[in-house]
Amino acid sequence: MAFSMKDKIVFITGASSGVGKACAEQFAAMGARLILTARRMDRLDQLSKDIKERYGTDVLTIQLDIFPTE
């Protein structure tokens, strides 16, 4: 039996670009449900829309900065 990500939940920080975005797309292609976080909400919203249209998976986006400035 092959390993399946179908309906697993994956939490990704820094998902708006680079490695985080690539990981989000790969996990979505494998059927995972996604929680995507990043500082740039506009990019997250676009990525969420693209992933939902392309893969039909659930995506929750959250604006998050893991190193906030004061």
C-alpha atoms as a PDB file:
ATOM      1  CA  MET A   1       0.000   0.000   0.000  1.00  0.00           C
ATOM      2  CA  ALA A   2       1.386   3.429  -0.983  1.00  0.00           C
ATOM      3  CA  PHE A   3       1.632   6.335   1.452  1.00  0.00           C
ATOM      4  CA  SER A   4      -1.292   8.729   1.047  1.00  0.00           C
ATOM      5  CA  MET A   5      -1.715  12.371   2.009  1.00  0.00           C
ATOM      6  CA  LYS A   6      -5.422  12.221   1.143  1.00  0.00           C
ATOM      7  CA  ASP A   7      -7.353  14.242   3.745  1.00  0.00           C
ATOM      8  CA  LYS A   8      -4.282  14.748   5.956  1.00  0.00           C
ATOM      9  CA  ILE A   9      -3.860  18.303   7.266  1.00  0.00           C
ATOM     10  CA  VAL A  10      -0.584  20.067   6.479  1.00  0.00           C
ATOM     11  CA  PHE A  11       0.459  23.316   8.203  1.00  0.00           C
ATOM     12  CA  ILE A  12       2.941  25.419   6.216  1.00  0.00           C
ATOM     13  CA  THR A  13       4.590  28.669   7.316  1.00  0.00           C
ATOM     14  CA  GLY A  14       6.022  31.016   4.721  1.00  0.00           C
ATOM     15  CA  ALA A  15       3.607  29.665   2.125  1.00  0.00           C
ATOM     16  CA  SER A  16       3.289  32.838   0.044  1.00  0.00           C
ATOM     17  CA  SER A  17       6.490  32.233  -1.948  1.00  0.00           C
ATOM     18  CA  GLY A  18       9.556  30.082  -2.495  1.00  0.00           C
ATOM     19  CA  VAL A  19       9.879  26.714  -0.793  1.00  0.00           C
ATOM     20  CA  GLY A  20       6.686  27.175   1.250  1.00  0.00           C
ATOM     21  CA  LYS A  21       4.623  27.825  -1.865  1.00  0.00           C
ATOM     22  CA  ALA A  22       6.180  24.863  -3.690  1.00  0.00           C
ATOM     23  CA  CYS A  23       5.435  22.602  -0.706  1.00  0.00           C
ATOM     24  CA  ALA A  24       1.823  23.818  -0.595  1.00  0.00           C
ATOM     25  CA  GLU A  25       1.355  22.970  -4.260  1.00  0.00           C
ATOM     26  CA  GLN A  26       2.934  19.521  -3.894  1.00  0.00           C
ATOM     27  CA  PHE A  27       0.894  18.585  -0.818  1.00  0.00           C
ATOM     28  CA  ALA A  28      -2.281  19.820  -2.525  1.00  0.00           C
ATOM     29  CA  ALA A  29      -1.463  17.657  -5.548  1.00  0.00           C
ATOM     30  CA  MET A  30      -1.265  14.679  -3.171  1.00  0.00           C
ATOM     31  CA  GLY A  31      -4.728  15.417  -1.754  1.00  0.00           C
ATOM     32  CA  ALA A  32      -3.754  17.060   1.537  1.00  0.00           C
ATOM     33  CA  ARG A  33      -5.878  19.726   3.194  1.00  0.00           C
ATOM     34  CA  LEU A  34      -3.813  22.857   3.869  1.00  0.00           C
ATOM     35  CA  ILE A  35      -3.327  25.492   6.526  1.00  0.00           C
ATOM     36  CA  LEU A  36      -1.161  28.165   4.913  1.00  0.00           C
ATOM     37  CA  THR A  37       0.453  31.044   6.787  1.00  0.00           C
ATOM     38  CA  ALA A  38       2.595  34.003   5.750  1.00  0.00           C
ATOM     39  CA  ARG A  39       2.922  37.750   6.289  1.00  0.00           C
ATOM     40  CA  ARG A  40       1.566  38.727   2.866  1.00  0.00           C
ATOM     41  CA  MET A  41      -2.165  38.006   2.895  1.00  0.00           C
ATOM     42  CA  ASP A  42      -2.678  39.090  -0.712  1.00  0.00           C
ATOM     43  CA  ARG A  43      -0.280  36.399  -1.909  1.00  0.00           C
ATOM     44  CA  LEU A  44      -1.846  33.794   0.371  1.00  0.00           C
ATOM     45  CA  ASP A  45      -5.306  34.598  -0.965  1.00  0.00           C
ATOM     46  CA  GLN A  46      -4.120  34.188  -4.557  1.00  0.00           C
ATOM     47  CA  LEU A  47      -2.331  30.919  -3.753  1.00  0.00           C
ATOM     48  CA  SER A  48      -5.417  29.606  -1.964  1.00  0.00           C
ATOM     49  CA  LYS A  49      -7.607  30.442  -4.951  1.00  0.00           C
ATOM     50  CA  ASP A  50      -5.162  28.789  -7.386  1.00  0.00           C
ATOM     51  CA  ILE A  51      -4.854  25.627  -5.285  1.00  0.00           C
ATOM     52  CA  LYS A  52      -8.618  25.286  -4.787  1.00  0.00           C
ATOM     53  CA  GLU A  53      -9.214  25.642  -8.529  1.00  0.00           C
ATOM     54  CA  ARG A  54      -6.383  23.321  -9.576  1.00  0.00           C
ATOM     55  CA  TYR A  55      -6.638  20.588  -6.931  1.00  0.00           C
ATOM     56  CA  GLY A  56     -10.058  21.015  -5.304  1.00  0.00           C
ATOM     57  CA  THR A  57      -8.645  20.727  -1.799  1.00  0.00           C
ATOM     58  CA  ASP A  58      -9.535  22.660   1.362  1.00  0.00           C
ATOM     59  CA  VAL A  59      -7.281  25.618   2.175  1.00  0.00           C
ATOM     60  CA  LEU A  60      -7.302  27.805   5.286  1.00  0.00           C
ATOM     61  CA  THR A  61      -5.109  30.934   5.169  1.00  0.00           C
ATOM     62  CA  ILE A  62      -3.839  32.815   8.218  1.00  0.00           C
ATOM     63  CA  GLN A  63      -1.711  35.952   8.255  1.00  0.00           C
ATOM     64  CA  LEU A  64       1.229  35.164  10.526  1.00  0.00           C
ATOM     65  CA  ASP A  65       4.680  36.590  11.179  1.00  0.00           C
ATOM     66  CA  ILE A  66       6.732  34.233  13.314  1.00  0.00           C
ATOM     67  CA  PHE A  67       9.302  36.958  14.013  1.00  0.00           C
ATOM     68  CA  PRO A  68       7.150  40.056  14.629  1.00  0.00           C
ATOM     69  CA  THR A  69       8.814  43.401  15.117  1.00  0.00           C
ATOM     70  CA  GLU A  70       7.878  45.570  18.048  1.00  0.00           C
END
